[in-house]
Amino acid sequence: MSVFAMPGISVAGLTVKVDERIRVVELNAQGYGLQLILSDGHERGIYPWPYLAQLGLETTTV
């Protein structure tokens, strides 16, 4: 199982702090987007592919 750290995420100029203990433990492709399963039990919400692609184009500094 892969685990990804999420120390802080910068989106639209805002930095969201994420507890260092929280990890992405699973990624599920849902056809129209991606579902992230987090180590704290959160698994709701599917991020649409176009939204994720847009995030990849943004330059961020954390």
N, C-alpha and C. Protein backbone atom coordinates (compact mmCIF):
# COMPACT_ATOMS: atom_id res chain seq x y z
N MET A 1 0.84 -1.16 0.00
CA MET A 1 0.00 0.00 0.00
C MET A 1 0.90 1.24 0.00
N SER A 2 0.66 2.16 -0.93
CA SER A 2 1.41 3.41 -0.97
C SER A 2 0.78 4.41 -0.01
N VAL A 3 1.62 5.24 0.59
CA VAL A 3 1.14 6.27 1.49
C VAL A 3 1.80 7.59 1.08
N PHE A 4 1.00 8.63 0.90
CA PHE A 4 1.51 9.93 0.47
C PHE A 4 1.34 10.93 1.60
N ALA A 5 2.39 11.69 1.91
CA ALA A 5 2.32 12.73 2.93
C ALA A 5 1.63 13.96 2.36
N MET A 6 0.90 14.70 3.19
CA MET A 6 0.20 15.90 2.78
C MET A 6 0.46 17.01 3.80
N PRO A 7 1.69 17.56 3.91
CA PRO A 7 1.98 18.54 4.94
C PRO A 7 1.24 19.86 4.78
N GLY A 8 1.00 20.29 3.58
CA GLY A 8 0.29 21.54 3.31
C GLY A 8 -0.05 21.59 1.84
N ILE A 9 -1.20 22.11 1.51
CA ILE A 9 -1.64 22.16 0.13
C ILE A 9 -1.96 23.60 -0.21
N SER A 10 -1.45 24.09 -1.32
CA SER A 10 -1.73 25.46 -1.74
C SER A 10 -2.66 25.42 -2.94
N VAL A 11 -3.84 26.02 -2.79
CA VAL A 11 -4.84 26.06 -3.86
C VAL A 11 -5.38 27.47 -3.94
N ALA A 12 -5.36 28.04 -5.14
CA ALA A 12 -5.90 29.38 -5.37
C ALA A 12 -5.31 30.40 -4.41
N GLY A 13 -4.02 30.28 -4.13
CA GLY A 13 -3.35 31.24 -3.27
C GLY A 13 -3.54 31.03 -1.78
N LEU A 14 -4.32 30.04 -1.39
CA LEU A 14 -4.55 29.75 0.02
C LEU A 14 -3.80 28.48 0.39
N THR A 15 -3.14 28.49 1.53
CA THR A 15 -2.45 27.28 1.98
C THR A 15 -3.28 26.63 3.07
N VAL A 16 -3.64 25.39 2.83
CA VAL A 16 -4.41 24.62 3.81
C VAL A 16 -3.42 23.71 4.53
N LYS A 17 -3.34 23.86 5.83
CA LYS A 17 -2.45 23.02 6.61
C LYS A 17 -3.12 21.69 6.90
N VAL A 18 -2.38 20.63 6.66
CA VAL A 18 -2.88 19.28 6.89
C VAL A 18 -1.99 18.64 7.94
N ASP A 19 -2.61 18.04 8.93
CA ASP A 19 -1.87 17.35 9.98
C ASP A 19 -0.88 16.37 9.35
N GLU A 20 0.37 16.41 9.80
CA GLU A 20 1.41 15.55 9.24
C GLU A 20 1.10 14.06 9.35
N ARG A 21 0.22 13.71 10.29
CA ARG A 21 -0.12 12.29 10.47
C ARG A 21 -1.13 11.80 9.45
N ILE A 22 -1.78 12.71 8.74
CA ILE A 22 -2.79 12.32 7.75
C ILE A 22 -2.09 11.92 6.46
N ARG A 23 -2.45 10.78 5.94
CA ARG A 23 -1.86 10.24 4.71
C ARG A 23 -2.96 9.80 3.75
N VAL A 24 -2.64 9.87 2.46
CA VAL A 24 -3.51 9.26 1.47
C VAL A 24 -3.13 7.79 1.44
N VAL A 25 -4.09 6.92 1.74
CA VAL A 25 -3.78 5.49 1.80
C VAL A 25 -4.31 4.72 0.60
N GLU A 26 -5.20 5.36 -0.16
CA GLU A 26 -5.76 4.68 -1.32
C GLU A 26 -6.29 5.71 -2.30
N LEU A 27 -6.13 5.44 -3.59
CA LEU A 27 -6.69 6.26 -4.66
C LEU A 27 -7.62 5.38 -5.48
N ASN A 28 -8.85 5.84 -5.69
CA ASN A 28 -9.83 5.07 -6.46
C ASN A 28 -10.32 5.89 -7.65
N ALA A 29 -9.99 5.42 -8.85
CA ALA A 29 -10.51 6.07 -10.06
C ALA A 29 -12.00 5.76 -10.16
N GLN A 30 -12.80 6.79 -10.37
CA GLN A 30 -14.25 6.63 -10.43
C GLN A 30 -14.83 6.99 -11.79
N GLY A 31 -14.03 6.87 -12.83
CA GLY A 31 -14.50 7.20 -14.17
C GLY A 31 -14.40 8.68 -14.45
N TYR A 32 -15.17 9.50 -13.75
CA TYR A 32 -15.18 10.94 -14.00
C TYR A 32 -14.27 11.69 -13.04
N GLY A 33 -13.61 10.98 -12.10
CA GLY A 33 -12.73 11.66 -11.15
C GLY A 33 -11.99 10.69 -10.27
N LEU A 34 -11.40 11.22 -9.22
CA LEU A 34 -10.56 10.44 -8.33
C LEU A 34 -11.03 10.60 -6.89
N GLN A 35 -11.19 9.48 -6.21
CA GLN A 35 -11.55 9.47 -4.79
C GLN A 35 -10.29 9.21 -3.98
N LEU A 36 -10.05 10.06 -2.96
CA LEU A 36 -8.91 9.88 -2.06
C LEU A 36 -9.41 9.27 -0.76
N ILE A 37 -8.75 8.22 -0.30
CA ILE A 37 -9.04 7.62 1.00
C ILE A 37 -7.91 8.04 1.92
N LEU A 38 -8.26 8.72 3.01
CA LEU A 38 -7.26 9.25 3.93
C LEU A 38 -7.15 8.40 5.19
N SER A 39 -5.99 8.46 5.81
CA SER A 39 -5.73 7.62 6.99
C SER A 39 -6.61 7.96 8.18
N ASP A 40 -7.24 9.14 8.19
CA ASP A 40 -8.12 9.50 9.31
C ASP A 40 -9.56 9.07 9.09
N GLY A 41 -9.79 8.31 8.01
CA GLY A 41 -11.13 7.79 7.75
C GLY A 41 -11.94 8.58 6.74
N HIS A 42 -11.49 9.76 6.35
CA HIS A 42 -12.22 10.54 5.35
C HIS A 42 -12.12 9.85 4.00
N GLU A 43 -13.24 9.70 3.35
CA GLU A 43 -13.26 9.07 2.02
C GLU A 43 -14.39 9.61 1.16
N ARG A 44 -15.00 10.69 1.61
CA ARG A 44 -16.12 11.26 0.87
C ARG A 44 -15.61 12.25 -0.16
N GLY A 45 -16.30 12.34 -1.25
CA GLY A 45 -15.96 13.31 -2.28
C GLY A 45 -15.12 12.69 -3.38
N ILE A 46 -15.43 13.08 -4.59
CA ILE A 46 -14.67 12.65 -5.76
C ILE A 46 -14.23 13.91 -6.48
N TYR A 47 -12.94 14.00 -6.75
CA TYR A 47 -12.38 15.16 -7.41
C TYR A 47 -12.38 14.93 -8.92
N PRO A 48 -13.12 15.73 -9.69
CA PRO A 48 -13.21 15.53 -11.15
C PRO A 48 -11.85 15.69 -11.83
N TRP A 49 -11.61 14.91 -12.87
CA TRP A 49 -10.34 14.95 -13.60
C TRP A 49 -9.99 16.35 -14.08
N PRO A 50 -10.93 17.13 -14.66
CA PRO A 50 -10.57 18.48 -15.11
C PRO A 50 -10.08 19.37 -13.96
N TYR A 51 -10.68 19.24 -12.79
CA TYR A 51 -10.27 20.01 -11.62
C TYR A 51 -8.84 19.63 -11.22
N LEU A 52 -8.55 18.33 -11.18
CA LEU A 52 -7.22 17.87 -10.82
C LEU A 52 -6.18 18.33 -11.84
N ALA A 53 -6.54 18.30 -13.13
CA ALA A 53 -5.63 18.76 -14.17
C ALA A 53 -5.32 20.24 -14.00
N GLN A 54 -6.32 21.03 -13.64
CA GLN A 54 -6.13 22.47 -13.42
C GLN A 54 -5.18 22.69 -12.24
N LEU A 55 -5.32 21.92 -11.18
CA LEU A 55 -4.42 22.05 -10.03
C LEU A 55 -2.98 21.77 -10.43
N GLY A 56 -2.81 20.81 -11.33
CA GLY A 56 -1.46 20.46 -11.79
C GLY A 56 -0.80 21.57 -12.58
N LEU A 57 -1.59 22.45 -13.17
CA LEU A 57 -1.05 23.56 -13.95
C LEU A 57 -0.66 24.76 -13.10
N GLU A 58 -1.20 24.85 -11.91
CA GLU A 58 -0.91 25.98 -11.02
C GLU A 58 0.48 25.82 -10.42
N THR A 59 1.18 26.92 -10.29
CA THR A 59 2.47 26.89 -9.59
C THR A 59 2.20 27.17 -8.13
N THR A 60 2.73 26.32 -7.28
CA THR A 60 2.47 26.47 -5.85
C THR A 60 3.78 26.49 -5.09
N THR A 61 3.77 27.18 -3.98
CA THR A 61 4.89 27.14 -3.04
C THR A 61 4.33 26.84 -1.68
N VAL A 62 4.94 25.91 -1.02
CA VAL A 62 4.48 25.51 0.31
C VAL A 62 5.54 25.87 1.31
